[in-house]
Amino acid sequence: MKVLVLYDYPPSPGGLATQGDLLYKGLKEIGVDVYPVNSESAQEKEWYFQWFKPDVAVGVGYWGHCPDLVVHPQKHGVTVVPWLVADGYLANYKEILEDLPLILVTSNWVKQVYIRDGLSGKNIEVLPVGCDTDLFCPYDKKNPKVACIRRSLGVADDQLMLLTAGGDAASKGAQEVMQALAIIDKKVPDWKYVCKVWPQPRTEQQNLLDFQLATSLGIEKKIIYTTNKISRNFMPYLLSSCDIYAAPSRLEGFGMIQVEANACEKPVIGIKAMGLLDTMIQGQTAFLAQVGKEIVLKETILGPESGYKPNTKIVFKEPRVVDYRADANDIAKYLLELMNNPKLRKTMGENGRKRVVENYDYRVVAKKFVNIISKRLGVK
């Protein structure tokens, strides 16, 4: 089997790039003839098409990347298998996607989104995102690399540290976590809540809004925001520095960092919806809070990034759920239990590590990919 993996290569620290890079590395380690290439590099892709002649080109992205992941390779006679995440409303490329022999998606929820938006689902298979369980593994808090992180954040040895990481914190459910912490503040051991976010204009604006909320809740002195660019090498130590990873995300097609947190033996606070229904096990590896609110839209504006003219208005036949909010009272209930019970945190973390190694290790995912391709496309 000869496979060409199309993604953001060389990989940036982002989710899609990591998703593609781990598939490439996993396939290579299990003996598949595989090469990586940047999905936007027409010249280099064509170079591989001509001399490597892949049996399949698997492209990582969302439906809006179809021109690079699907249309361009097809023009050169290459069998294409996109591996897609959900990103809003599937507004275009429905015919192109429906005609493909196979589409991979990251969770059952993503599959449901594509079916909701017009695909039949007959050619859709679920392939989870891989995790490097050699890199993402538990480190003791006394480990110098972990201790340095806690010290730099201003978290004392005797304080519980909760962590949320993402492009911004609010989209990962940080505001709901703050509301929950305010409810239980006096009923749990001393704590600090760290939000690790990526530097960008929208994040700066969101940070201000989040701090306003923290101030109104009276917990602003316990909230720590850190805005830095970091590498994948840093993340396992950051995750190991916390006691609980809290991310009841408002939109989550898989939950990569939640899985990585489990790999580092950290219990997770999530939301009982979307991709986390696949990746987390309620009461065993995570506590999943009930959905408190659904954000529904009747219409949206799309542009060239979606294959439309600028400012094209799309009116849905039925209103669409585009965002979720976890129930803060439910989060509070679970945080109260976890923060007061170190043995439970340890047990759930160990359960999480075991499940990630068995189901989401990048080599395991690579083998699943090979099995799906062999079964659905007959490629050996």
Protein backbone atom coordinates (compact mmCIF):
# COMPACT_ATOMS: atom_id res chain seq x y z
CA MET A 1 0.00 0.00 0.00
CA LYS A 2 1.38 3.38 -1.05
CA VAL A 3 -0.09 6.37 0.77
CA LEU A 4 0.43 10.10 0.32
CA VAL A 5 -0.71 12.15 3.35
CA LEU A 6 -1.81 15.72 2.55
CA TYR A 7 -1.75 18.16 5.48
CA ASP A 8 -0.05 21.25 6.88
CA TYR A 9 3.48 19.91 6.36
CA PRO A 10 6.00 20.60 7.84
CA PRO A 11 3.61 20.51 10.80
CA SER A 12 2.66 23.54 12.86
CA PRO A 13 1.44 22.92 16.46
CA GLY A 14 -2.21 23.10 15.34
CA GLY A 15 -4.71 20.27 15.57
CA LEU A 16 -5.06 19.46 11.87
CA ALA A 17 -1.31 19.44 11.32
CA THR A 18 -0.82 17.17 14.33
CA GLN A 19 -3.60 14.89 13.12
CA GLY A 20 -1.93 14.45 9.73
CA ASP A 21 1.59 14.14 11.07
CA LEU A 22 0.69 11.40 13.53
CA LEU A 23 -1.04 9.41 10.79
CA TYR A 24 2.06 9.74 8.61
CA LYS A 25 4.36 8.66 11.45
CA GLY A 26 2.08 5.79 12.44
CA LEU A 27 1.87 4.45 8.90
CA LYS A 28 5.62 4.71 8.51
CA GLU A 29 6.26 2.85 11.76
CA ILE A 30 3.99 -0.06 10.83
CA GLY A 31 5.74 -0.48 7.50
CA VAL A 32 3.48 1.32 5.03
CA ASP A 33 5.15 3.03 2.05
CA VAL A 34 4.12 6.62 2.88
CA TYR A 35 5.15 10.21 2.27
CA PRO A 36 3.90 13.55 3.67
CA VAL A 37 3.23 16.62 1.55
CA ASN A 38 1.75 20.06 2.11
CA SER A 39 -1.86 19.99 0.91
CA GLU A 40 -1.57 23.47 -0.64
CA SER A 41 1.60 22.71 -2.62
CA ALA A 42 0.29 21.85 -6.09
CA GLN A 43 3.75 21.41 -7.59
CA GLU A 44 5.03 19.05 -4.91
CA LYS A 45 1.80 17.04 -4.86
CA GLU A 46 2.03 16.58 -8.63
CA TRP A 47 5.67 15.52 -8.23
CA TYR A 48 4.59 12.72 -5.89
CA PHE A 49 1.68 11.79 -8.14
CA GLN A 50 4.06 11.27 -11.05
CA TRP A 51 6.90 9.26 -9.50
CA PHE A 52 5.43 7.79 -6.30
CA LYS A 53 2.06 6.94 -7.85
CA PRO A 54 0.20 6.54 -4.54
CA ASP A 55 -2.64 4.04 -4.21
CA VAL A 56 -4.46 6.62 -2.12
CA ALA A 57 -4.01 10.26 -1.12
CA VAL A 58 -5.49 10.96 2.31
CA GLY A 59 -6.03 14.64 3.01
CA VAL A 60 -6.58 16.17 6.45
CA GLY A 61 -8.88 19.16 6.82
CA TYR A 62 -12.55 20.15 6.68
CA TRP A 63 -15.00 20.28 3.78
CA GLY A 64 -13.83 23.75 2.72
CA HIS A 65 -10.41 22.30 1.87
CA CYS A 66 -11.91 20.14 -0.90
CA PRO A 67 -10.13 22.04 -3.72
CA ASP A 68 -6.73 21.06 -2.30
CA LEU A 69 -7.61 17.71 -0.75
CA VAL A 70 -9.98 16.29 -3.36
CA VAL A 71 -10.34 18.22 -6.61
CA HIS A 72 -6.63 18.69 -7.37
CA PRO A 73 -5.58 15.05 -6.80
CA GLN A 74 -8.59 13.78 -8.76
CA LYS A 75 -7.48 15.82 -11.79
CA HIS A 76 -4.33 13.69 -11.77
CA GLY A 77 -6.17 10.40 -11.50
CA VAL A 78 -5.37 9.78 -7.85
CA THR A 79 -7.79 7.95 -5.54
CA VAL A 80 -8.69 10.42 -2.80
CA VAL A 81 -9.79 9.82 0.80
CA PRO A 82 -10.34 13.04 2.77
CA TRP A 83 -10.13 12.77 6.56
CA LEU A 84 -12.41 15.53 7.72
CA VAL A 85 -13.43 17.43 10.81
CA ALA A 86 -16.69 19.40 11.10
CA ASP A 87 -16.56 23.17 10.70
CA GLY A 88 -19.99 24.71 10.73
CA TYR A 89 -22.49 24.07 7.96
CA LEU A 90 -21.50 21.86 5.02
CA ALA A 91 -22.39 24.49 2.47
CA ASN A 92 -20.66 23.28 -0.67
CA TYR A 93 -18.90 20.36 -2.37
CA LYS A 94 -21.73 17.98 -1.42
CA GLU A 95 -21.79 16.28 -4.84
CA ILE A 96 -18.01 15.92 -4.85
CA LEU A 97 -17.97 14.36 -1.38
CA GLU A 98 -20.97 12.13 -2.02
CA ASP A 99 -19.31 10.65 -5.13
CA LEU A 100 -16.11 9.67 -3.31
CA PRO A 101 -15.57 5.97 -2.54
CA LEU A 102 -14.62 6.80 1.05
CA ILE A 103 -14.61 9.70 3.50
CA LEU A 104 -12.99 9.47 6.92
CA VAL A 105 -14.24 11.59 9.82
CA THR A 106 -12.89 12.02 13.35
CA SER A 107 -15.98 11.00 15.37
CA ASN A 108 -19.52 9.72 15.11
CA TRP A 109 -20.75 13.25 15.83
CA VAL A 110 -18.85 14.61 12.81
CA LYS A 111 -20.47 11.88 10.69
CA GLN A 112 -23.88 12.94 11.97
CA VAL A 113 -23.13 16.57 11.06
CA TYR A 114 -22.26 15.65 7.48
CA ILE A 115 -25.40 13.52 7.17
CA ARG A 116 -27.46 16.36 8.66
CA ASP A 117 -26.10 18.68 6.00
CA GLY A 118 -26.96 16.48 3.04
CA LEU A 119 -24.57 13.55 2.64
CA SER A 120 -26.00 10.02 2.70
CA GLY A 121 -23.28 8.68 4.99
CA LYS A 122 -22.88 5.50 2.93
CA ASN A 123 -19.23 6.27 2.23
CA ILE A 124 -18.32 7.70 5.66
CA GLU A 125 -16.16 5.81 8.17
CA VAL A 126 -14.96 7.03 11.58
CA LEU A 127 -11.20 7.16 12.18
CA PRO A 128 -10.15 8.79 15.46
CA VAL A 129 -7.20 11.15 15.75
CA GLY A 130 -4.00 9.54 17.01
CA CYS A 131 -2.10 10.39 20.17
CA ASP A 132 1.65 10.04 20.72
CA THR A 133 1.47 8.11 23.97
CA ASP A 134 5.27 8.00 24.21
CA LEU A 135 5.37 11.80 24.34
CA PHE A 136 2.10 12.29 26.21
CA CYS A 137 2.64 10.28 29.35
CA PRO A 138 2.41 11.05 33.08
CA TYR A 139 5.19 12.99 34.80
CA ASP A 140 5.40 13.47 38.55
CA LYS A 141 4.86 16.99 39.84
CA LYS A 142 8.32 16.82 41.40
CA ASN A 143 9.83 16.37 37.96
CA PRO A 144 11.91 19.55 37.40
CA LYS A 145 10.25 20.22 34.04
CA VAL A 146 6.79 20.04 35.61
CA ALA A 147 7.73 21.92 38.76
CA CYS A 148 9.16 24.77 36.67
CA ILE A 149 5.85 25.19 34.88
CA ARG A 150 3.79 25.34 38.07
CA ARG A 151 6.26 27.79 39.59
CA SER A 152 6.24 30.03 36.49
CA LEU A 153 2.43 30.10 36.57
CA GLY A 154 2.35 31.02 40.25
CA VAL A 155 0.73 27.78 41.40
CA ALA A 156 1.93 26.61 44.82
CA ASP A 157 2.75 22.99 45.58
CA ASP A 158 -0.25 22.66 47.89
CA GLN A 159 -2.75 24.20 45.45
CA LEU A 160 -4.94 22.28 43.05
CA MET A 161 -4.38 23.33 39.46
CA LEU A 162 -7.14 23.19 36.89
CA LEU A 163 -6.16 23.68 33.25
CA THR A 164 -7.87 24.60 29.99
CA ALA A 165 -5.90 24.96 26.75
CA GLY A 166 -6.96 26.15 23.33
CA GLY A 167 -6.87 28.92 20.76
CA ASP A 168 -9.01 30.82 23.23
CA ALA A 169 -10.40 29.60 26.55
CA ALA A 170 -14.08 30.46 26.13
CA SER A 171 -14.54 28.13 23.15
CA LYS A 172 -13.20 25.33 25.35
CA GLY A 173 -15.79 26.06 28.01
CA ALA A 174 -13.71 28.21 30.38
CA GLN A 175 -16.55 30.59 31.21
CA GLU A 176 -18.76 27.70 32.24
CA VAL A 177 -15.89 26.31 34.36
CA MET A 178 -15.47 29.72 36.07
CA GLN A 179 -19.16 29.81 36.89
CA ALA A 180 -18.88 26.33 38.39
CA LEU A 181 -15.79 27.24 40.43
CA ALA A 182 -17.55 30.26 41.86
CA ILE A 183 -20.34 27.98 43.08
CA ILE A 184 -18.01 25.60 44.94
CA ASP A 185 -15.12 27.95 45.83
CA LYS A 186 -15.49 27.62 49.61
CA LYS A 187 -16.17 23.86 49.53
CA VAL A 188 -12.91 22.68 47.93
CA PRO A 189 -9.16 22.89 48.68
CA ASP A 190 -7.21 25.96 47.57
CA TRP A 191 -7.04 26.12 43.79
CA LYS A 192 -5.85 28.03 40.74
CA TYR A 193 -7.42 27.87 37.28
CA VAL A 194 -4.95 28.23 34.40
CA CYS A 195 -6.12 29.07 30.89
CA LYS A 196 -3.44 28.53 28.26
CA VAL A 197 -4.38 30.37 25.05
CA TRP A 198 -2.78 31.14 21.70
CA PRO A 199 -1.74 34.74 20.91
CA GLN A 200 -4.08 36.22 18.31
CA PRO A 201 -6.35 39.30 18.11
CA ARG A 202 -9.60 37.48 18.87
CA THR A 203 -7.99 35.79 21.88
CA GLU A 204 -6.96 39.13 23.38
CA GLN A 205 -10.52 40.39 23.12
CA GLN A 206 -11.92 37.16 24.54
CA ASN A 207 -9.46 37.21 27.45
CA LEU A 208 -10.80 40.61 28.50
CA LEU A 209 -14.36 39.32 28.46
CA ASP A 210 -13.34 36.24 30.44
CA PHE A 211 -11.59 38.36 33.07
CA GLN A 212 -14.66 40.56 33.37
CA LEU A 213 -16.68 37.45 34.11
CA ALA A 214 -14.13 36.22 36.67
CA THR A 215 -14.22 39.62 38.39
CA SER A 216 -18.00 39.63 38.51
CA LEU A 217 -17.86 36.15 40.07
CA GLY A 218 -15.29 37.27 42.66
CA ILE A 219 -12.67 34.69 41.67
CA GLU A 220 -10.37 36.83 39.50
CA LYS A 221 -7.38 36.37 41.86
CA LYS A 222 -7.52 32.62 41.27
CA ILE A 223 -7.65 32.81 37.46
CA ILE A 224 -4.38 32.75 35.50
CA TYR A 225 -4.21 33.43 31.76
CA THR A 226 -1.02 32.57 29.87
CA THR A 227 -0.80 33.62 26.23
CA ASN A 228 2.15 32.07 24.45
CA LYS A 229 3.09 30.04 21.43
CA ILE A 230 4.26 26.62 22.57
CA SER A 231 5.42 23.43 20.87
CA ARG A 232 4.12 19.88 21.18
CA ASN A 233 7.19 19.09 23.30
CA PHE A 234 5.96 21.44 26.04
CA MET A 235 2.36 20.19 26.20
CA PRO A 236 2.90 16.89 28.10
CA TYR A 237 4.64 18.76 30.92
CA LEU A 238 1.94 21.43 30.99
CA LEU A 239 -0.74 18.75 31.20
CA SER A 240 1.22 16.88 33.86
CA SER A 241 1.40 20.06 35.93
CA CYS A 242 -2.37 20.16 36.43
CA ASP A 243 -4.64 18.06 38.64
CA ILE A 244 -7.74 18.27 36.46
CA TYR A 245 -8.06 19.10 32.78
CA ALA A 246 -11.29 21.07 32.34
CA ALA A 247 -12.61 21.57 28.81
CA PRO A 248 -16.39 21.25 28.42
CA SER A 249 -15.98 22.65 24.91
CA ARG A 250 -18.64 24.59 23.10
CA LEU A 251 -17.73 22.85 19.85
CA GLU A 252 -15.60 19.71 19.78
CA GLY A 253 -15.44 17.25 16.89
CA PHE A 254 -12.94 14.96 18.61
CA GLY A 255 -11.23 16.36 21.69
CA MET A 256 -7.51 16.02 20.99
CA ILE A 257 -6.24 17.76 24.13
CA GLN A 258 -8.78 15.95 26.29
CA VAL A 259 -7.37 12.66 24.96
CA GLU A 260 -3.82 13.89 25.54
CA ALA A 261 -4.75 14.85 29.10
CA ASN A 262 -6.03 11.33 29.68
CA ALA A 263 -2.76 10.00 28.23
CA CYS A 264 -0.97 12.03 30.92
CA GLU A 265 -3.24 10.37 33.53
CA LYS A 266 -5.37 13.44 34.16
CA PRO A 267 -9.14 13.23 34.72
CA VAL A 268 -11.16 15.36 32.32
CA ILE A 269 -14.18 17.60 32.77
CA GLY A 270 -16.01 17.64 29.44
CA ILE A 271 -19.46 18.02 27.93
CA LYS A 272 -21.92 15.23 27.22
CA ALA A 273 -22.10 15.96 23.52
CA MET A 274 -20.24 15.88 20.20
CA GLY A 275 -16.91 14.12 19.83
CA LEU A 276 -16.37 13.64 23.56
CA LEU A 277 -19.11 10.99 23.52
CA ASP A 278 -16.61 8.86 21.57
CA THR A 279 -13.38 9.72 23.34
CA MET A 280 -14.39 10.00 27.02
CA ILE A 281 -16.11 7.43 29.25
CA GLN A 282 -18.45 8.99 31.80
CA GLY A 283 -17.37 8.31 35.38
CA GLN A 284 -14.33 6.29 34.31
CA THR A 285 -12.00 8.63 32.42
CA ALA A 286 -13.99 11.86 32.59
CA PHE A 287 -17.05 13.59 33.95
CA LEU A 288 -19.25 14.89 31.15
CA ALA A 289 -21.56 17.73 32.13
CA GLN A 290 -25.02 17.92 30.64
CA VAL A 291 -25.70 20.42 27.88
CA GLY A 292 -27.19 23.53 29.46
CA LYS A 293 -27.88 25.48 26.30
CA GLU A 294 -27.78 25.07 22.53
CA ILE A 295 -26.97 28.00 20.26
CA VAL A 296 -29.22 27.82 17.20
CA LEU A 297 -28.99 29.75 13.91
CA LYS A 298 -31.54 30.09 11.13
CA GLU A 299 -29.12 31.53 8.56
CA THR A 300 -25.46 32.27 7.93
CA ILE A 301 -23.17 34.29 5.63
CA LEU A 302 -20.56 32.44 3.56
CA GLY A 303 -17.84 33.49 1.13
CA PRO A 304 -15.00 32.29 -1.12
CA GLU A 305 -13.53 30.13 1.65
CA SER A 306 -16.65 27.98 1.30
CA GLY A 307 -16.83 28.06 -2.48
CA TYR A 308 -19.36 30.92 -2.64
CA LYS A 309 -19.34 34.52 -3.76
CA PRO A 310 -18.56 37.04 -0.98
CA ASN A 311 -21.36 37.63 1.55
CA THR A 312 -23.62 34.87 0.26
CA LYS A 313 -26.59 34.43 2.57
CA ILE A 314 -27.67 30.86 3.32
CA VAL A 315 -31.05 30.27 4.96
CA PHE A 316 -31.43 26.85 6.56
CA LYS A 317 -34.56 24.78 5.94
CA GLU A 318 -34.43 23.95 9.64
CA PRO A 319 -32.57 25.89 12.38
CA ARG A 320 -29.09 24.47 13.10
CA VAL A 321 -27.33 23.92 16.41
CA VAL A 322 -23.94 25.60 15.95
CA ASP A 323 -22.65 25.75 19.53
CA TYR A 324 -23.21 24.18 22.93
CA ARG A 325 -22.87 25.38 26.51
CA ALA A 326 -22.25 22.93 29.35
CA ASP A 327 -24.43 23.23 32.44
CA ALA A 328 -22.36 25.10 35.05
CA ASN A 329 -24.19 23.44 37.96
CA ASP A 330 -23.37 20.02 36.55
CA ILE A 331 -19.72 21.03 36.15
CA ALA A 332 -19.74 22.26 39.75
CA LYS A 333 -21.08 18.92 40.96
CA TYR A 334 -18.29 17.01 39.23
CA LEU A 335 -15.54 19.45 40.21
CA LEU A 336 -16.64 19.24 43.84
CA GLU A 337 -16.24 15.47 43.70
CA LEU A 338 -12.89 15.49 41.90
CA MET A 339 -11.27 18.33 43.81
CA ASN A 340 -12.08 16.74 47.17
CA ASN A 341 -11.01 13.22 46.20
CA PRO A 342 -7.36 12.71 45.16
CA LYS A 343 -7.85 8.94 44.95
CA LEU A 344 -10.66 9.40 42.42
CA ARG A 345 -8.48 11.75 40.36
CA LYS A 346 -5.74 9.13 40.30
CA THR A 347 -8.07 6.27 39.36
CA MET A 348 -9.77 8.19 36.56
CA GLY A 349 -6.41 9.35 35.23
CA GLU A 350 -5.07 5.79 35.16
CA ASN A 351 -8.24 4.58 33.43
CA GLY A 352 -7.83 7.35 30.87
CA ARG A 353 -4.22 6.46 30.13
CA LYS A 354 -5.10 2.80 29.60
CA ARG A 355 -7.93 3.61 27.22
CA VAL A 356 -5.88 6.07 25.18
CA VAL A 357 -3.02 3.58 24.76
CA GLU A 358 -5.46 0.88 23.64
CA ASN A 359 -7.62 2.98 21.32
CA TYR A 360 -5.91 6.22 20.28
CA ASP A 361 -2.18 5.57 20.15
CA TYR A 362 -1.07 6.81 16.73
CA ARG A 363 0.17 3.35 15.71
CA VAL A 364 -3.18 1.83 16.62
CA VAL A 365 -4.92 4.50 14.54
CA ALA A 366 -2.57 3.81 11.61
CA LYS A 367 -3.53 0.13 11.71
CA LYS A 368 -7.21 1.08 11.76
CA PHE A 369 -6.59 3.28 8.71
CA VAL A 370 -4.95 0.40 6.81
CA ASN A 371 -7.84 -1.94 7.70
CA ILE A 372 -10.46 0.57 6.52
CA ILE A 373 -8.63 1.26 3.25
CA SER A 374 -8.16 -2.45 2.59
CA LYS A 375 -11.79 -3.24 3.33
CA ARG A 376 -13.45 -0.31 1.56
CA LEU A 377 -11.09 0.22 -1.37
CA GLY A 378 -9.47 -3.19 -1.77
CA VAL A 379 -5.98 -1.69 -1.53
CA LYS A 380 -3.37 -3.99 -0.01
